[in-house]
Amino acid sequence: MNLIPKSTTEAVRRVIKFAMDTFAFERFIAVCSEEHLALRRVLEKVGMKLDEIVPENTEINERLVSDCFYSMEIVRD
């Protein structure tokens, strides 16, 4: 395995795998700006599902932006 991930998607997959192998997490949660389409695509590629969009929830650079809440349940054998 190459130590440096080739993409953001691969890096996120590795973080999730590490957390699954190391900790007893049952669920992963991620929050990002609704406008951050690239990150939203990455989260969906790794299997996370959009749970909710909260309008005008976070202030960034003196303006309110909507937040997307994603989650993924961990199924263990």
PDB file of N, CA and C in Angstrom:
ATOM      1  N   MET A   1       0.841  -1.184   0.000  1.00  0.00           N
ATOM      2  CA  MET A   1       0.000   0.000   0.000  1.00  0.00           C
ATOM      3  C   MET A   1       0.882   1.241   0.000  1.00  0.00           C
ATOM      4  N   ASN A   2       0.572   2.154  -0.890  1.00  0.00           N
ATOM      5  CA  ASN A   2       1.264   3.431  -0.956  1.00  0.00           C
ATOM      6  C   ASN A   2       0.878   4.268   0.268  1.00  0.00           C
ATOM      7  N   LEU A   3       1.842   4.917   0.897  1.00  0.00           N
ATOM      8  CA  LEU A   3       1.551   5.705   2.096  1.00  0.00           C
ATOM      9  C   LEU A   3       0.790   6.985   1.793  1.00  0.00           C
ATOM     10  N   ILE A   4       0.987   7.540   0.604  1.00  0.00           N
ATOM     11  CA  ILE A   4       0.325   8.792   0.250  1.00  0.00           C
ATOM     12  C   ILE A   4      -0.870   8.476  -0.643  1.00  0.00           C
ATOM     13  N   PRO A   5      -2.078   8.831  -0.192  1.00  0.00           N
ATOM     14  CA  PRO A   5      -3.260   8.561  -1.009  1.00  0.00           C
ATOM     15  C   PRO A   5      -3.212   9.333  -2.321  1.00  0.00           C
ATOM     16  N   LYS A   6      -3.779   8.735  -3.367  1.00  0.00           N
ATOM     17  CA  LYS A   6      -3.779   9.373  -4.684  1.00  0.00           C
ATOM     18  C   LYS A   6      -4.944  10.333  -4.862  1.00  0.00           C
ATOM     19  N   SER A   7      -5.918  10.261  -3.974  1.00  0.00           N
ATOM     20  CA  SER A   7      -7.091  11.130  -4.104  1.00  0.00           C
ATOM     21  C   SER A   7      -7.693  11.397  -2.733  1.00  0.00           C
ATOM     22  N   THR A   8      -8.543  12.397  -2.687  1.00  0.00           N
ATOM     23  CA  THR A   8      -9.258  12.700  -1.448  1.00  0.00           C
ATOM     24  C   THR A   8     -10.160  11.535  -1.069  1.00  0.00           C
ATOM     25  N   THR A   9     -10.790  10.934  -2.058  1.00  0.00           N
ATOM     26  CA  THR A   9     -11.670   9.794  -1.791  1.00  0.00           C
ATOM     27  C   THR A   9     -10.899   8.660  -1.127  1.00  0.00           C
ATOM     28  N   GLU A  10      -9.721   8.356  -1.644  1.00  0.00           N
ATOM     29  CA  GLU A  10      -8.893   7.299  -1.053  1.00  0.00           C
ATOM     30  C   GLU A  10      -8.487   7.665   0.374  1.00  0.00           C
ATOM     31  N   ALA A  11      -8.153   8.921   0.605  1.00  0.00           N
ATOM     32  CA  ALA A  11      -7.768   9.362   1.952  1.00  0.00           C
ATOM     33  C   ALA A  11      -8.925   9.189   2.932  1.00  0.00           C
ATOM     34  N   VAL A  12     -10.126   9.561   2.525  1.00  0.00           N
ATOM     35  CA  VAL A  12     -11.297   9.415   3.401  1.00  0.00           C
ATOM     36  C   VAL A  12     -11.576   7.939   3.663  1.00  0.00           C
ATOM     37  N   ARG A  13     -11.467   7.106   2.637  1.00  0.00           N
ATOM     38  CA  ARG A  13     -11.655   5.655   2.836  1.00  0.00           C
ATOM     39  C   ARG A  13     -10.662   5.102   3.853  1.00  0.00           C
ATOM     40  N   ARG A  14      -9.423   5.561   3.778  1.00  0.00           N
ATOM     41  CA  ARG A  14      -8.393   5.089   4.721  1.00  0.00           C
ATOM     42  C   ARG A  14      -8.693   5.530   6.148  1.00  0.00           C
ATOM     43  N   VAL A  15      -9.163   6.753   6.310  1.00  0.00           N
ATOM     44  CA  VAL A  15      -9.518   7.239   7.652  1.00  0.00           C
ATOM     45  C   VAL A  15     -10.649   6.391   8.222  1.00  0.00           C
ATOM     46  N   ILE A  16     -11.651   6.118   7.413  1.00  0.00           N
ATOM     47  CA  ILE A  16     -12.777   5.297   7.870  1.00  0.00           C
ATOM     48  C   ILE A  16     -12.303   3.893   8.225  1.00  0.00           C
ATOM     49  N   LYS A  17     -11.487   3.292   7.386  1.00  0.00           N
ATOM     50  CA  LYS A  17     -10.967   1.945   7.666  1.00  0.00           C
ATOM     51  C   LYS A  17     -10.149   1.931   8.951  1.00  0.00           C
ATOM     52  N   PHE A  18      -9.278   2.932   9.122  1.00  0.00           N
ATOM     53  CA  PHE A  18      -8.473   3.018  10.338  1.00  0.00           C
ATOM     54  C   PHE A  18      -9.378   3.106  11.563  1.00  0.00           C
ATOM     55  N   ALA A  19     -10.375   3.964  11.495  1.00  0.00           N
ATOM     56  CA  ALA A  19     -11.283   4.122  12.633  1.00  0.00           C
ATOM     57  C   ALA A  19     -12.055   2.838  12.907  1.00  0.00           C
ATOM     58  N   MET A  20     -12.470   2.138  11.859  1.00  0.00           N
ATOM     59  CA  MET A  20     -13.189   0.875  12.049  1.00  0.00           C
ATOM     60  C   MET A  20     -12.291  -0.184  12.672  1.00  0.00           C
ATOM     61  N   ASP A  21     -11.029  -0.228  12.226  1.00  0.00           N
ATOM     62  CA  ASP A  21     -10.095  -1.236  12.730  1.00  0.00           C
ATOM     63  C   ASP A  21      -9.597  -0.922  14.140  1.00  0.00           C
ATOM     64  N   THR A  22      -9.594   0.351  14.511  1.00  0.00           N
ATOM     65  CA  THR A  22      -8.975   0.779  15.759  1.00  0.00           C
ATOM     66  C   THR A  22      -9.983   1.052  16.874  1.00  0.00           C
ATOM     67  N   PHE A  23     -11.129   1.597  16.518  1.00  0.00           N
ATOM     68  CA  PHE A  23     -12.133   2.000  17.505  1.00  0.00           C
ATOM     69  C   PHE A  23     -13.433   1.248  17.247  1.00  0.00           C
ATOM     70  N   ALA A  24     -14.318   1.299  18.184  1.00  0.00           N
ATOM     71  CA  ALA A  24     -15.599   0.601  18.052  1.00  0.00           C
ATOM     72  C   ALA A  24     -16.704   1.545  17.578  1.00  0.00           C
ATOM     73  N   PHE A  25     -16.393   2.395  16.607  1.00  0.00           N
ATOM     74  CA  PHE A  25     -17.401   3.316  16.091  1.00  0.00           C
ATOM     75  C   PHE A  25     -18.534   2.541  15.434  1.00  0.00           C
ATOM     76  N   GLU A  26     -19.751   3.000  15.665  1.00  0.00           N
ATOM     77  CA  GLU A  26     -20.915   2.406  15.023  1.00  0.00           C
ATOM     78  C   GLU A  26     -21.444   3.294  13.910  1.00  0.00           C
ATOM     79  N   ARG A  27     -20.995   4.561  13.916  1.00  0.00           N
ATOM     80  CA  ARG A  27     -21.508   5.519  12.938  1.00  0.00           C
ATOM     81  C   ARG A  27     -20.476   6.610  12.698  1.00  0.00           C
ATOM     82  N   PHE A  28     -20.353   7.014  11.442  1.00  0.00           N
ATOM     83  CA  PHE A  28     -19.516   8.153  11.081  1.00  0.00           C
ATOM     84  C   PHE A  28     -20.434   9.294  10.684  1.00  0.00           C
ATOM     85  N   ILE A  29     -20.071  10.501  11.085  1.00  0.00           N
ATOM     86  CA  ILE A  29     -20.840  11.693  10.737  1.00  0.00           C
ATOM     87  C   ILE A  29     -19.892  12.712  10.134  1.00  0.00           C
ATOM     88  N   ALA A  30     -20.346  13.370   9.064  1.00  0.00           N
ATOM     89  CA  ALA A  30     -19.565  14.436   8.433  1.00  0.00           C
ATOM     90  C   ALA A  30     -20.488  15.616   8.163  1.00  0.00           C
ATOM     91  N   VAL A  31     -19.930  16.810   8.297  1.00  0.00           N
ATOM     92  CA  VAL A  31     -20.680  18.034   8.024  1.00  0.00           C
ATOM     93  C   VAL A  31     -19.865  18.873   7.060  1.00  0.00           C
ATOM     94  N   CYS A  32     -20.533  19.390   6.031  1.00  0.00           N
ATOM     95  CA  CYS A  32     -19.848  20.286   5.100  1.00  0.00           C
ATOM     96  C   CYS A  32     -20.832  21.319   4.576  1.00  0.00           C
ATOM     97  N   SER A  33     -20.291  22.358   3.997  1.00  0.00           N
ATOM     98  CA  SER A  33     -21.108  23.397   3.391  1.00  0.00           C
ATOM     99  C   SER A  33     -21.861  22.829   2.195  1.00  0.00           C
ATOM    100  N   GLU A  34     -23.090  23.247   2.025  1.00  0.00           N
ATOM    101  CA  GLU A  34     -23.889  22.798   0.881  1.00  0.00           C
ATOM    102  C   GLU A  34     -23.209  23.165  -0.440  1.00  0.00           C
ATOM    103  N   GLU A  35     -22.461  24.252  -0.436  1.00  0.00           N
ATOM    104  CA  GLU A  35     -21.781  24.729  -1.642  1.00  0.00           C
ATOM    105  C   GLU A  35     -20.533  23.915  -1.989  1.00  0.00           C
ATOM    106  N   HIS A  36     -20.026  23.133  -1.061  1.00  0.00           N
ATOM    107  CA  HIS A  36     -18.775  22.387  -1.279  1.00  0.00           C
ATOM    108  C   HIS A  36     -19.089  21.085  -2.020  1.00  0.00           C
ATOM    109  N   LEU A  37     -19.358  21.207  -3.305  1.00  0.00           N
ATOM    110  CA  LEU A  37     -19.821  20.069  -4.104  1.00  0.00           C
ATOM    111  C   LEU A  37     -18.787  18.956  -4.216  1.00  0.00           C
ATOM    112  N   ALA A  38     -17.512  19.311  -4.302  1.00  0.00           N
ATOM    113  CA  ALA A  38     -16.463  18.287  -4.425  1.00  0.00           C
ATOM    114  C   ALA A  38     -16.428  17.398  -3.184  1.00  0.00           C
ATOM    115  N   LEU A  39     -16.488  17.995  -2.007  1.00  0.00           N
ATOM    116  CA  LEU A  39     -16.474  17.201  -0.774  1.00  0.00           C
ATOM    117  C   LEU A  39     -17.750  16.381  -0.651  1.00  0.00           C
ATOM    118  N   ARG A  40     -18.863  16.942  -1.043  1.00  0.00           N
ATOM    119  CA  ARG A  40     -20.110  16.186  -0.992  1.00  0.00           C
ATOM    120  C   ARG A  40     -20.028  14.940  -1.875  1.00  0.00           C
ATOM    121  N   ARG A  41     -19.418  15.065  -3.052  1.00  0.00           N
ATOM    122  CA  ARG A  41     -19.247  13.908  -3.943  1.00  0.00           C
ATOM    123  C   ARG A  41     -18.355  12.852  -3.294  1.00  0.00           C
ATOM    124  N   VAL A  42     -17.273  13.298  -2.644  1.00  0.00           N
ATOM    125  CA  VAL A  42     -16.374  12.356  -1.964  1.00  0.00           C
ATOM    126  C   VAL A  42     -17.133  11.593  -0.885  1.00  0.00           C
ATOM    127  N   LEU A  43     -17.883  12.303  -0.061  1.00  0.00           N
ATOM    128  CA  LEU A  43     -18.626  11.650   1.018  1.00  0.00           C
ATOM    129  C   LEU A  43     -19.611  10.625   0.459  1.00  0.00           C
ATOM    130  N   GLU A  44     -20.264  10.957  -0.633  1.00  0.00           N
ATOM    131  CA  GLU A  44     -21.205  10.017  -1.243  1.00  0.00           C
ATOM    132  C   GLU A  44     -20.481   8.825  -1.877  1.00  0.00           C
ATOM    133  N   LYS A  45     -19.309   9.064  -2.461  1.00  0.00           N
ATOM    134  CA  LYS A  45     -18.527   7.970  -3.065  1.00  0.00           C
ATOM    135  C   LYS A  45     -18.105   6.929  -2.038  1.00  0.00           C
ATOM    136  N   VAL A  46     -17.800   7.374  -0.811  1.00  0.00           N
ATOM    137  CA  VAL A  46     -17.348   6.426   0.214  1.00  0.00           C
ATOM    138  C   VAL A  46     -18.517   5.771   0.949  1.00  0.00           C
ATOM    139  N   GLY A  47     -19.742   6.087   0.540  1.00  0.00           N
ATOM    140  CA  GLY A  47     -20.905   5.411   1.108  1.00  0.00           C
ATOM    141  C   GLY A  47     -21.696   6.194   2.127  1.00  0.00           C
ATOM    142  N   MET A  48     -21.352   7.443   2.335  1.00  0.00           N
ATOM    143  CA  MET A  48     -22.111   8.245   3.289  1.00  0.00           C
ATOM    144  C   MET A  48     -23.395   8.734   2.626  1.00  0.00           C
ATOM    145  N   LYS A  49     -24.445   8.865   3.429  1.00  0.00           N
ATOM    146  CA  LYS A  49     -25.753   9.298   2.939  1.00  0.00           C
ATOM    147  C   LYS A  49     -26.092  10.664   3.523  1.00  0.00           C
ATOM    148  N   LEU A  50     -26.698  11.498   2.687  1.00  0.00           N
ATOM    149  CA  LEU A  50     -27.136  12.817   3.136  1.00  0.00           C
ATOM    150  C   LEU A  50     -28.341  12.648   4.044  1.00  0.00           C
ATOM    151  N   ASP A  51     -28.224  13.113   5.288  1.00  0.00           N
ATOM    152  CA  ASP A  51     -29.317  13.011   6.252  1.00  0.00           C
ATOM    153  C   ASP A  51     -30.167  14.267   6.283  1.00  0.00           C
ATOM    154  N   GLU A  52     -29.496  15.416   6.183  1.00  0.00           N
ATOM    155  CA  GLU A  52     -30.227  16.667   6.373  1.00  0.00           C
ATOM    156  C   GLU A  52     -29.409  17.835   5.834  1.00  0.00           C
ATOM    157  N   ILE A  53     -30.113  18.839   5.321  1.00  0.00           N
ATOM    158  CA  ILE A  53     -29.492  20.119   4.976  1.00  0.00           C
ATOM    159  C   ILE A  53     -30.116  21.160   5.895  1.00  0.00           C
ATOM    160  N   VAL A  54     -29.269  21.834   6.668  1.00  0.00           N
ATOM    161  CA  VAL A  54     -29.741  22.855   7.600  1.00  0.00           C
ATOM    162  C   VAL A  54     -29.445  24.220   6.985  1.00  0.00           C
ATOM    163  N   PRO A  55     -30.495  24.959   6.599  1.00  0.00           N
ATOM    164  CA  PRO A  55     -30.292  26.249   5.940  1.00  0.00           C
ATOM    165  C   PRO A  55     -29.632  27.281   6.854  1.00  0.00           C
ATOM    166  N   GLU A  56     -28.739  28.045   6.262  1.00  0.00           N
ATOM    167  CA  GLU A  56     -28.092  29.177   6.943  1.00  0.00           C
ATOM    168  C   GLU A  56     -27.682  28.826   8.370  1.00  0.00           C
ATOM    169  N   ASN A  57     -26.879  27.799   8.495  1.00  0.00           N
ATOM    170  CA  ASN A  57     -26.519  27.252   9.806  1.00  0.00           C
ATOM    171  C   ASN A  57     -25.165  27.719  10.322  1.00  0.00           C
ATOM    172  N   THR A  58     -24.234  28.031   9.422  1.00  0.00           N
ATOM    173  CA  THR A  58     -22.868  28.365   9.820  1.00  0.00           C
ATOM    174  C   THR A  58     -22.439  29.660   9.150  1.00  0.00           C
ATOM    175  N   GLU A  59     -21.734  30.494   9.918  1.00  0.00           N
ATOM    176  CA  GLU A  59     -21.219  31.738   9.343  1.00  0.00           C
ATOM    177  C   GLU A  59     -19.793  31.520   8.839  1.00  0.00           C
ATOM    178  N   ILE A  60     -19.575  31.807   7.562  1.00  0.00           N
ATOM    179  CA  ILE A  60     -18.251  31.730   6.946  1.00  0.00           C
ATOM    180  C   ILE A  60     -18.014  33.037   6.202  1.00  0.00           C
ATOM    181  N   ASN A  61     -16.933  33.699   6.536  1.00  0.00           N
ATOM    182  CA  ASN A  61     -16.603  34.976   5.892  1.00  0.00           C
ATOM    183  C   ASN A  61     -17.774  35.953   5.925  1.00  0.00           C
ATOM    184  N   GLU A  62     -18.372  36.069   7.083  1.00  0.00           N
ATOM    185  CA  GLU A  62     -19.452  37.024   7.347  1.00  0.00           C
ATOM    186  C   GLU A  62     -20.720  36.770   6.536  1.00  0.00           C
ATOM    187  N   ARG A  63     -20.936  35.526   6.125  1.00  0.00           N
ATOM    188  CA  ARG A  63     -22.209  35.188   5.483  1.00  0.00           C
ATOM    189  C   ARG A  63     -22.643  33.807   5.969  1.00  0.00           C
ATOM    190  N   LEU A  64     -23.935  33.619   6.026  1.00  0.00           N
ATOM    191  CA  LEU A  64     -24.478  32.345   6.485  1.00  0.00           C
ATOM    192  C   LEU A  64     -24.550  31.355   5.331  1.00  0.00           C
ATOM    193  N   VAL A  65     -24.095  30.139   5.597  1.00  0.00           N
ATOM    194  CA  VAL A  65     -24.157  29.073   4.598  1.00  0.00           C
ATOM    195  C   VAL A  65     -24.935  27.890   5.172  1.00  0.00           C
ATOM    196  N   SER A  66     -25.510  27.122   4.277  1.00  0.00           N
ATOM    197  CA  SER A  66     -26.249  25.926   4.687  1.00  0.00           C
ATOM    198  C   SER A  66     -25.275  24.770   4.875  1.00  0.00           C
ATOM    199  N   ASP A  67     -25.571  23.927   5.851  1.00  0.00           N
ATOM    200  CA  ASP A  67     -24.726  22.770   6.147  1.00  0.00           C
ATOM    201  C   ASP A  67     -25.417  21.482   5.721  1.00  0.00           C
ATOM    202  N   CYS A  68     -24.624  20.562   5.192  1.00  0.00           N
ATOM    203  CA  CYS A  68     -25.096  19.222   4.851  1.00  0.00           C
ATOM    204  C   CYS A  68     -24.561  18.252   5.895  1.00  0.00           C
ATOM    205  N   PHE A  69     -25.444  17.473   6.474  1.00  0.00           N
ATOM    206  CA  PHE A  69     -25.068  16.466   7.460  1.00  0.00           C
ATOM    207  C   PHE A  69     -25.154  15.094   6.799  1.00  0.00           C
ATOM    208  N   TYR A  70     -24.019  14.402   6.779  1.00  0.00           N
ATOM    209  CA  TYR A  70     -23.920  13.067   6.188  1.00  0.00           C
ATOM    210  C   TYR A  70     -23.626  12.058   7.291  1.00  0.00           C
ATOM    211  N   SER A  71     -24.041  10.814   7.075  1.00  0.00           N
ATOM    212  CA  SER A  71     -23.691   9.762   8.033  1.00  0.00           C
ATOM    213  C   SER A  71     -23.545   8.427   7.313  1.00  0.00           C
ATOM    214  N   MET A  72     -22.901   7.510   8.030  1.00  0.00           N
ATOM    215  CA  MET A  72     -22.719   6.149   7.530  1.00  0.00           C
ATOM    216  C   MET A  72     -22.724   5.215   8.729  1.00  0.00           C
ATOM    217  N   GLU A  73     -23.621   4.246   8.699  1.00  0.00           N
ATOM    218  CA  GLU A  73     -23.683   3.235   9.749  1.00  0.00           C
ATOM    219  C   GLU A  73     -22.629   2.174   9.468  1.00  0.00           C
ATOM    220  N   ILE A  74     -21.994   1.687  10.517  1.00  0.00           N
ATOM    221  CA  ILE A  74     -20.981   0.647  10.384  1.00  0.00           C
ATOM    222  C   ILE A  74     -21.630  -0.700  10.682  1.00  0.00           C
ATOM    223  N   VAL A  75     -21.560  -1.587   9.711  1.00  0.00           N
ATOM    224  CA  VAL A  75     -22.098  -2.941   9.880  1.00  0.00           C
ATOM    225  C   VAL A  75     -20.922  -3.873  10.106  1.00  0.00           C
ATOM    226  N   ARG A  76     -20.927  -4.538  11.243  1.00  0.00           N
ATOM    227  CA  ARG A  76     -19.833  -5.455  11.578  1.00  0.00           C
ATOM    228  C   ARG A  76     -20.306  -6.895  11.417  1.00  0.00           C
ATOM    229  N   ASP A  77     -19.382  -7.731  11.010  1.00  0.00           N
ATOM    230  CA  ASP A  77     -19.704  -9.158  10.832  1.00  0.00           C
ATOM    231  C   ASP A  77     -19.781  -9.872  12.155  1.00  0.00           C
TER     232      ASP A  77
END
